Amino acid sequence: MDEDDELCLCFHVTRRKVIQYIRVNRPTLPSQLSECYGAGTGCGWCRPFLKRLIEETDPQDVELPDVATYAANRREYRNKTT
C-alpha cells in the first residue's frame, strides 16, 4: 500500500494522513485516530491496521496489503458483519 492509498475506506483517509497525524499528535490508542478525519469510526475494518501503525516506531515501516487485496478483504469483512 502506497502513502496516498486509502487506509480508511469509509472516510477516504489515506495512509499519509494517518502517518502524519501519528507523528504530530502521538496517539497511544487506535481510537484516538478518530480525530484524523474519522479514521476507524466506520465499518471497523481498518482498526487493526491503525493499531499496527501506532505501535510501530516508524509507521512507514509497517507492511500493509496491496490496495486490491485490502479492498477485497474489506468487502468480505463487511459481508460477514452485515
PDB file of N, CA and C in Angstrom:
ATOM      1  N   MET A   1       0.846  -1.178   0.000  1.00  0.00           N
ATOM      2  CA  MET A   1       0.000   0.000   0.000  1.00  0.00           C
ATOM      3  C   MET A   1       0.893   1.243   0.000  1.00  0.00           C
ATOM      4  N   ASP A   2       0.612   2.133  -0.920  1.00  0.00           N
ATOM      5  CA  ASP A   2       1.365   3.384  -1.007  1.00  0.00           C
ATOM      6  C   ASP A   2       0.804   4.415  -0.026  1.00  0.00           C
ATOM      7  N   GLU A   3       1.545   5.473   0.208  1.00  0.00           N
ATOM      8  CA  GLU A   3       1.129   6.500   1.166  1.00  0.00           C
ATOM      9  C   GLU A   3      -0.159   7.210   0.768  1.00  0.00           C
ATOM     10  N   ASP A   4      -0.428   7.336  -0.518  1.00  0.00           N
ATOM     11  CA  ASP A   4      -1.632   8.045  -0.946  1.00  0.00           C
ATOM     12  C   ASP A   4      -2.831   7.130  -1.165  1.00  0.00           C
ATOM     13  N   ASP A   5      -2.680   5.854  -0.840  1.00  0.00           N
ATOM     14  CA  ASP A   5      -3.805   4.925  -0.898  1.00  0.00           C
ATOM     15  C   ASP A   5      -4.635   5.071   0.369  1.00  0.00           C
ATOM     16  N   GLU A   6      -5.933   4.816   0.233  1.00  0.00           N
ATOM     17  CA  GLU A   6      -6.841   4.976   1.365  1.00  0.00           C
ATOM     18  C   GLU A   6      -6.690   3.829   2.357  1.00  0.00           C
ATOM     19  N   LEU A   7      -6.450   4.192   3.607  1.00  0.00           N
ATOM     20  CA  LEU A   7      -6.363   3.224   4.687  1.00  0.00           C
ATOM     21  C   LEU A   7      -7.749   3.024   5.302  1.00  0.00           C
ATOM     22  N   CYS A   8      -8.455   4.119   5.525  1.00  0.00           N
ATOM     23  CA  CYS A   8      -9.840   4.065   5.998  1.00  0.00           C
ATOM     24  C   CYS A   8     -10.724   4.296   4.774  1.00  0.00           C
ATOM     25  N   LEU A   9     -11.297   3.205   4.278  1.00  0.00           N
ATOM     26  CA  LEU A   9     -12.087   3.294   3.056  1.00  0.00           C
ATOM     27  C   LEU A   9     -13.439   3.964   3.291  1.00  0.00           C
ATOM     28  N   CYS A  10     -13.960   3.896   4.494  1.00  0.00           N
ATOM     29  CA  CYS A  10     -15.258   4.524   4.783  1.00  0.00           C
ATOM     30  C   CYS A  10     -15.181   6.047   4.639  1.00  0.00           C
ATOM     31  N   PHE A  11     -14.091   6.620   5.158  1.00  0.00           N
ATOM     32  CA  PHE A  11     -13.964   8.075   5.171  1.00  0.00           C
ATOM     33  C   PHE A  11     -12.848   8.589   4.268  1.00  0.00           C
ATOM     34  N   HIS A  12     -12.300   7.699   3.433  1.00  0.00           N
ATOM     35  CA  HIS A  12     -11.294   8.073   2.431  1.00  0.00           C
ATOM     36  C   HIS A  12     -10.070   8.741   3.056  1.00  0.00           C
ATOM     37  N   VAL A  13      -9.587   8.167   4.160  1.00  0.00           N
ATOM     38  CA  VAL A  13      -8.407   8.700   4.842  1.00  0.00           C
ATOM     39  C   VAL A  13      -7.194   7.926   4.343  1.00  0.00           C
ATOM     40  N   THR A  14      -6.235   8.644   3.805  1.00  0.00           N
ATOM     41  CA  THR A  14      -5.050   7.996   3.240  1.00  0.00           C
ATOM     42  C   THR A  14      -4.054   7.592   4.320  1.00  0.00           C
ATOM     43  N   ARG A  15      -3.200   6.670   3.948  1.00  0.00           N
ATOM     44  CA  ARG A  15      -2.130   6.249   4.851  1.00  0.00           C
ATOM     45  C   ARG A  15      -1.251   7.447   5.214  1.00  0.00           C
ATOM     46  N   ARG A  16      -0.994   8.318   4.251  1.00  0.00           N
ATOM     47  CA  ARG A  16      -0.166   9.503   4.503  1.00  0.00           C
ATOM     48  C   ARG A  16      -0.767  10.377   5.605  1.00  0.00           C
ATOM     49  N   LYS A  17      -2.091  10.611   5.552  1.00  0.00           N
ATOM     50  CA  LYS A  17      -2.751  11.435   6.569  1.00  0.00           C
ATOM     51  C   LYS A  17      -2.644  10.802   7.952  1.00  0.00           C
ATOM     52  N   VAL A  18      -2.824   9.496   8.009  1.00  0.00           N
ATOM     53  CA  VAL A  18      -2.743   8.795   9.297  1.00  0.00           C
ATOM     54  C   VAL A  18      -1.333   8.872   9.858  1.00  0.00           C
ATOM     55  N   ILE A  19      -0.341   8.609   9.020  1.00  0.00           N
ATOM     56  CA  ILE A  19       1.048   8.653   9.487  1.00  0.00           C
ATOM     57  C   ILE A  19       1.410  10.060   9.963  1.00  0.00           C
ATOM     58  N   GLN A  20       0.998  11.069   9.231  1.00  0.00           N
ATOM     59  CA  GLN A  20       1.283  12.442   9.644  1.00  0.00           C
ATOM     60  C   GLN A  20       0.591  12.759  10.969  1.00  0.00           C
ATOM     61  N   TYR A  21      -0.640  12.313  11.123  1.00  0.00           N
ATOM     62  CA  TYR A  21      -1.364  12.540  12.377  1.00  0.00           C
ATOM     63  C   TYR A  21      -0.632  11.865  13.543  1.00  0.00           C
ATOM     64  N   ILE A  22      -0.162  10.644  13.327  1.00  0.00           N
ATOM     65  CA  ILE A  22       0.570   9.923  14.374  1.00  0.00           C
ATOM     66  C   ILE A  22       1.840  10.671  14.749  1.00  0.00           C
ATOM     67  N   ARG A  23       2.574  11.155  13.768  1.00  0.00           N
ATOM     68  CA  ARG A  23       3.832  11.871  14.048  1.00  0.00           C
ATOM     69  C   ARG A  23       3.598  13.165  14.827  1.00  0.00           C
ATOM     70  N   VAL A  24       2.544  13.876  14.485  1.00  0.00           N
ATOM     71  CA  VAL A  24       2.280  15.171  15.120  1.00  0.00           C
ATOM     72  C   VAL A  24       1.623  15.015  16.486  1.00  0.00           C
ATOM     73  N   ASN A  25       0.624  14.129  16.590  1.00  0.00           N
ATOM     74  CA  ASN A  25      -0.197  14.054  17.802  1.00  0.00           C
ATOM     75  C   ASN A  25       0.170  12.932  18.765  1.00  0.00           C
ATOM     76  N   ARG A  26       0.975  11.989  18.339  1.00  0.00           N
ATOM     77  CA  ARG A  26       1.436  10.884  19.182  1.00  0.00           C
ATOM     78  C   ARG A  26       0.304  10.163  19.930  1.00  0.00           C
ATOM     79  N   PRO A  27      -0.724   9.676  19.228  1.00  0.00           N
ATOM     80  CA  PRO A  27      -1.794   8.961  19.914  1.00  0.00           C
ATOM     81  C   PRO A  27      -1.266   7.645  20.486  1.00  0.00           C
ATOM     82  N   THR A  28      -1.880   7.191  21.561  1.00  0.00           N
ATOM     83  CA  THR A  28      -1.471   5.929  22.168  1.00  0.00           C
ATOM     84  C   THR A  28      -2.504   4.833  21.962  1.00  0.00           C
ATOM     85  N   LEU A  29      -3.693   5.201  21.522  1.00  0.00           N
ATOM     86  CA  LEU A  29      -4.768   4.249  21.272  1.00  0.00           C
ATOM     87  C   LEU A  29      -5.314   4.440  19.858  1.00  0.00           C
ATOM     88  N   PRO A  30      -5.683   3.355  19.190  1.00  0.00           N
ATOM     89  CA  PRO A  30      -6.256   3.492  17.850  1.00  0.00           C
ATOM     90  C   PRO A  30      -7.506   4.379  17.834  1.00  0.00           C
ATOM     91  N   SER A  31      -8.273   4.370  18.895  1.00  0.00           N
ATOM     92  CA  SER A  31      -9.498   5.180  18.938  1.00  0.00           C
ATOM     93  C   SER A  31      -9.196   6.675  18.840  1.00  0.00           C
ATOM     94  N   GLN A  32      -8.000   7.078  19.232  1.00  0.00           N
ATOM     95  CA  GLN A  32      -7.628   8.484  19.138  1.00  0.00           C
ATOM     96  C   GLN A  32      -7.467   8.929  17.686  1.00  0.00           C
ATOM     97  N   LEU A  33      -7.317   7.981  16.781  1.00  0.00           N
ATOM     98  CA  LEU A  33      -7.194   8.328  15.368  1.00  0.00           C
ATOM     99  C   LEU A  33      -8.527   8.758  14.769  1.00  0.00           C
ATOM    100  N   SER A  34      -9.597   8.628  15.525  1.00  0.00           N
ATOM    101  CA  SER A  34     -10.893   9.106  15.041  1.00  0.00           C
ATOM    102  C   SER A  34     -10.838  10.612  14.783  1.00  0.00           C
ATOM    103  N   GLU A  35      -9.928  11.289  15.449  1.00  0.00           N
ATOM    104  CA  GLU A  35      -9.748  12.724  15.242  1.00  0.00           C
ATOM    105  C   GLU A  35      -9.047  13.018  13.918  1.00  0.00           C
ATOM    106  N   CYS A  36      -8.551  11.994  13.264  1.00  0.00           N
ATOM    107  CA  CYS A  36      -7.897  12.127  11.961  1.00  0.00           C
ATOM    108  C   CYS A  36      -8.930  11.822  10.886  1.00  0.00           C
ATOM    109  N   TYR A  37      -9.792  12.780  10.634  1.00  0.00           N
ATOM    110  CA  TYR A  37     -10.822  12.675   9.594  1.00  0.00           C
ATOM    111  C   TYR A  37     -11.782  11.506   9.798  1.00  0.00           C
ATOM    112  N   GLY A  38     -11.918  11.045  11.044  1.00  0.00           N
ATOM    113  CA  GLY A  38     -12.850   9.962  11.352  1.00  0.00           C
ATOM    114  C   GLY A  38     -12.301   8.569  11.125  1.00  0.00           C
ATOM    115  N   ALA A  39     -11.010   8.440  10.904  1.00  0.00           N
ATOM    116  CA  ALA A  39     -10.414   7.128  10.632  1.00  0.00           C
ATOM    117  C   ALA A  39     -10.789   6.122  11.717  1.00  0.00           C
ATOM    118  N   GLY A  40     -11.243   4.962  11.280  1.00  0.00           N
ATOM    119  CA  GLY A  40     -11.567   3.878  12.199  1.00  0.00           C
ATOM    120  C   GLY A  40     -12.958   3.911  12.788  1.00  0.00           C
ATOM    121  N   THR A  41     -13.772   4.893  12.431  1.00  0.00           N
ATOM    122  CA  THR A  41     -15.089   5.016  13.051  1.00  0.00           C
ATOM    123  C   THR A  41     -16.226   4.501  12.176  1.00  0.00           C
ATOM    124  N   GLY A  42     -15.910   3.994  11.008  1.00  0.00           N
ATOM    125  CA  GLY A  42     -16.946   3.474  10.114  1.00  0.00           C
ATOM    126  C   GLY A  42     -17.180   1.999  10.372  1.00  0.00           C
ATOM    127  N   CYS A  43     -16.828   1.178   9.407  1.00  0.00           N
ATOM    128  CA  CYS A  43     -17.100  -0.264   9.489  1.00  0.00           C
ATOM    129  C   CYS A  43     -16.184  -0.998  10.465  1.00  0.00           C
ATOM    130  N   GLY A  44     -15.015  -0.426  10.771  1.00  0.00           N
ATOM    131  CA  GLY A  44     -14.086  -1.048  11.711  1.00  0.00           C
ATOM    132  C   GLY A  44     -12.986  -1.867  11.069  1.00  0.00           C
ATOM    133  N   TRP A  45     -13.050  -2.063   9.760  1.00  0.00           N
ATOM    134  CA  TRP A  45     -12.052  -2.872   9.080  1.00  0.00           C
ATOM    135  C   TRP A  45     -10.630  -2.370   9.295  1.00  0.00           C
ATOM    136  N   CYS A  46     -10.423  -1.080   9.285  1.00  0.00           N
ATOM    137  CA  CYS A  46      -9.063  -0.540   9.340  1.00  0.00           C
ATOM    138  C   CYS A  46      -8.473  -0.482  10.752  1.00  0.00           C
ATOM    139  N   ARG A  47      -9.270  -0.707  11.773  1.00  0.00           N
ATOM    140  CA  ARG A  47      -8.771  -0.560  13.151  1.00  0.00           C
ATOM    141  C   ARG A  47      -7.523  -1.392  13.458  1.00  0.00           C
ATOM    142  N   PRO A  48      -7.458  -2.669  13.067  1.00  0.00           N
ATOM    143  CA  PRO A  48      -6.221  -3.425  13.340  1.00  0.00           C
ATOM    144  C   PRO A  48      -4.998  -2.839  12.636  1.00  0.00           C
ATOM    145  N   PHE A  49      -5.214  -2.285  11.454  1.00  0.00           N
ATOM    146  CA  PHE A  49      -4.103  -1.672  10.711  1.00  0.00           C
ATOM    147  C   PHE A  49      -3.686  -0.359  11.374  1.00  0.00           C
ATOM    148  N   LEU A  50      -4.664   0.400  11.858  1.00  0.00           N
ATOM    149  CA  LEU A  50      -4.362   1.642  12.579  1.00  0.00           C
ATOM    150  C   LEU A  50      -3.564   1.329  13.840  1.00  0.00           C
ATOM    151  N   LYS A  51      -3.950   0.269  14.528  1.00  0.00           N
ATOM    152  CA  LYS A  51      -3.237  -0.141  15.745  1.00  0.00           C
ATOM    153  C   LYS A  51      -1.791  -0.491  15.427  1.00  0.00           C
ATOM    154  N   ARG A  52      -1.579  -1.216  14.329  1.00  0.00           N
ATOM    155  CA  ARG A  52      -0.213  -1.566  13.940  1.00  0.00           C
ATOM    156  C   ARG A  52       0.616  -0.319  13.660  1.00  0.00           C
ATOM    157  N   LEU A  53       0.022   0.680  13.018  1.00  0.00           N
ATOM    158  CA  LEU A  53       0.753   1.910  12.716  1.00  0.00           C
ATOM    159  C   LEU A  53       1.137   2.648  13.994  1.00  0.00           C
ATOM    160  N   ILE A  54       0.241   2.678  14.970  1.00  0.00           N
ATOM    161  CA  ILE A  54       0.530   3.363  16.233  1.00  0.00           C
ATOM    162  C   ILE A  54       1.635   2.657  17.009  1.00  0.00           C
ATOM    163  N   GLU A  55       1.616   1.338  16.991  1.00  0.00           N
ATOM    164  CA  GLU A  55       2.579   0.552  17.775  1.00  0.00           C
ATOM    165  C   GLU A  55       3.985   0.569  17.193  1.00  0.00           C
ATOM    166  N   GLU A  56       4.120   0.856  15.920  1.00  0.00           N
ATOM    167  CA  GLU A  56       5.424   0.833  15.254  1.00  0.00           C
ATOM    168  C   GLU A  56       6.186   2.128  15.519  1.00  0.00           C
ATOM    169  N   THR A  57       7.480   2.018  15.760  1.00  0.00           N
ATOM    170  CA  THR A  57       8.324   3.191  15.968  1.00  0.00           C
ATOM    171  C   THR A  57       8.287   4.111  14.756  1.00  0.00           C
ATOM    172  N   ASP A  58       8.403   3.524  13.582  1.00  0.00           N
ATOM    173  CA  ASP A  58       8.294   4.289  12.343  1.00  0.00           C
ATOM    174  C   ASP A  58       7.131   3.714  11.547  1.00  0.00           C
ATOM    175  N   PRO A  59       5.968   4.388  11.574  1.00  0.00           N
ATOM    176  CA  PRO A  59       4.774   3.859  10.914  1.00  0.00           C
ATOM    177  C   PRO A  59       4.949   3.577   9.421  1.00  0.00           C
ATOM    178  N   GLN A  60       5.898   4.233   8.792  1.00  0.00           N
ATOM    179  CA  GLN A  60       6.118   3.984   7.366  1.00  0.00           C
ATOM    180  C   GLN A  60       6.691   2.598   7.116  1.00  0.00           C
ATOM    181  N   ASP A  61       7.268   1.977   8.148  1.00  0.00           N
ATOM    182  CA  ASP A  61       7.851   0.647   8.008  1.00  0.00           C
ATOM    183  C   ASP A  61       6.809  -0.466   8.050  1.00  0.00           C
ATOM    184  N   VAL A  62       5.588  -0.159   8.430  1.00  0.00           N
ATOM    185  CA  VAL A  62       4.548  -1.179   8.547  1.00  0.00           C
ATOM    186  C   VAL A  62       4.123  -1.640   7.160  1.00  0.00           C
ATOM    187  N   GLU A  63       4.214  -2.933   6.939  1.00  0.00           N
ATOM    188  CA  GLU A  63       3.794  -3.521   5.668  1.00  0.00           C
ATOM    189  C   GLU A  63       2.286  -3.731   5.700  1.00  0.00           C
ATOM    190  N   LEU A  64       1.605  -3.212   4.717  1.00  0.00           N
ATOM    191  CA  LEU A  64       0.168  -3.395   4.585  1.00  0.00           C
ATOM    192  C   LEU A  64      -0.111  -4.043   3.242  1.00  0.00           C
ATOM    193  N   PRO A  65      -1.242  -4.738   3.122  1.00  0.00           N
ATOM    194  CA  PRO A  65      -1.559  -5.397   1.845  1.00  0.00           C
ATOM    195  C   PRO A  65      -1.665  -4.396   0.699  1.00  0.00           C
ATOM    196  N   ASP A  66      -1.536  -4.908  -0.520  1.00  0.00           N
ATOM    197  CA  ASP A  66      -1.728  -4.028  -1.673  1.00  0.00           C
ATOM    198  C   ASP A  66      -3.191  -3.576  -1.708  1.00  0.00           C
ATOM    199  N   VAL A  67      -3.466  -2.533  -2.452  1.00  0.00           N
ATOM    200  CA  VAL A  67      -4.783  -1.889  -2.467  1.00  0.00           C
ATOM    201  C   VAL A  67      -5.895  -2.860  -2.849  1.00  0.00           C
ATOM    202  N   ALA A  68      -5.682  -3.657  -3.879  1.00  0.00           N
ATOM    203  CA  ALA A  68      -6.727  -4.576  -4.337  1.00  0.00           C
ATOM    204  C   ALA A  68      -7.044  -5.633  -3.276  1.00  0.00           C
ATOM    205  N   THR A  69      -6.026  -6.199  -2.664  1.00  0.00           N
ATOM    206  CA  THR A  69      -6.228  -7.202  -1.617  1.00  0.00           C
ATOM    207  C   THR A  69      -6.916  -6.580  -0.410  1.00  0.00           C
ATOM    208  N   TYR A  70      -6.467  -5.409  -0.035  1.00  0.00           N
ATOM    209  CA  TYR A  70      -7.041  -4.688   1.109  1.00  0.00           C
ATOM    210  C   TYR A  70      -8.538  -4.451   0.885  1.00  0.00           C
ATOM    211  N   ALA A  71      -8.905  -3.953  -0.281  1.00  0.00           N
ATOM    212  CA  ALA A  71     -10.303  -3.664  -0.593  1.00  0.00           C
ATOM    213  C   ALA A  71     -11.129  -4.946  -0.662  1.00  0.00           C
ATOM    214  N   ALA A  72     -10.580  -6.011  -1.243  1.00  0.00           N
ATOM    215  CA  ALA A  72     -11.303  -7.282  -1.339  1.00  0.00           C
ATOM    216  C   ALA A  72     -11.547  -7.875   0.044  1.00  0.00           C
ATOM    217  N   ASN A  73     -10.535  -7.834   0.887  1.00  0.00           N
ATOM    218  CA  ASN A  73     -10.690  -8.351   2.251  1.00  0.00           C
ATOM    219  C   ASN A  73     -11.714  -7.527   3.042  1.00  0.00           C
ATOM    220  N   ARG A  74     -11.752  -6.232   2.800  1.00  0.00           N
ATOM    221  CA  ARG A  74     -12.745  -5.388   3.469  1.00  0.00           C
ATOM    222  C   ARG A  74     -14.150  -5.760   3.007  1.00  0.00           C
ATOM    223  N   ARG A  75     -14.318  -6.010   1.725  1.00  0.00           N
ATOM    224  CA  ARG A  75     -15.635  -6.420   1.214  1.00  0.00           C
ATOM    225  C   ARG A  75     -16.110  -7.688   1.914  1.00  0.00           C
ATOM    226  N   GLU A  76     -15.218  -8.653   2.042  1.00  0.00           N
ATOM    227  CA  GLU A  76     -15.557  -9.894   2.745  1.00  0.00           C
ATOM    228  C   GLU A  76     -15.924  -9.615   4.200  1.00  0.00           C
ATOM    229  N   TYR A  77     -15.141  -8.771   4.842  1.00  0.00           N
ATOM    230  CA  TYR A  77     -15.400  -8.389   6.234  1.00  0.00           C
ATOM    231  C   TYR A  77     -16.781  -7.752   6.370  1.00  0.00           C
ATOM    232  N   ARG A  78     -17.087  -6.829   5.489  1.00  0.00           N
ATOM    233  CA  ARG A  78     -18.394  -6.139   5.530  1.00  0.00           C
ATOM    234  C   ARG A  78     -19.538  -7.091   5.252  1.00  0.00           C
ATOM    235  N   ASN A  79     -19.347  -8.036   4.358  1.00  0.00           N
ATOM    236  CA  ASN A  79     -20.396  -9.012   4.059  1.00  0.00           C
ATOM    237  C   ASN A  79     -20.691  -9.900   5.263  1.00  0.00           C
ATOM    238  N   LYS A  80     -19.680 -10.197   6.044  1.00  0.00           N
ATOM    239  CA  LYS A  80     -19.846 -11.027   7.245  1.00  0.00           C
ATOM    240  C   LYS A  80     -20.500 -10.267   8.387  1.00  0.00           C
ATOM    241  N   THR A  81     -20.266  -8.960   8.449  1.00  0.00           N
ATOM    242  CA  THR A  81     -20.778  -8.164   9.578  1.00  0.00           C
ATOM    243  C   THR A  81     -22.140  -7.542   9.318  1.00  0.00           C
ATOM    244  N   THR A  82     -22.638  -7.638   8.101  1.00  0.00           N
ATOM    245  CA  THR A  82     -23.954  -7.050   7.823  1.00  0.00           C
ATOM    246  C   THR A  82     -25.019  -8.088   7.664  1.00  0.00           C
TER     247      THR A  82
END
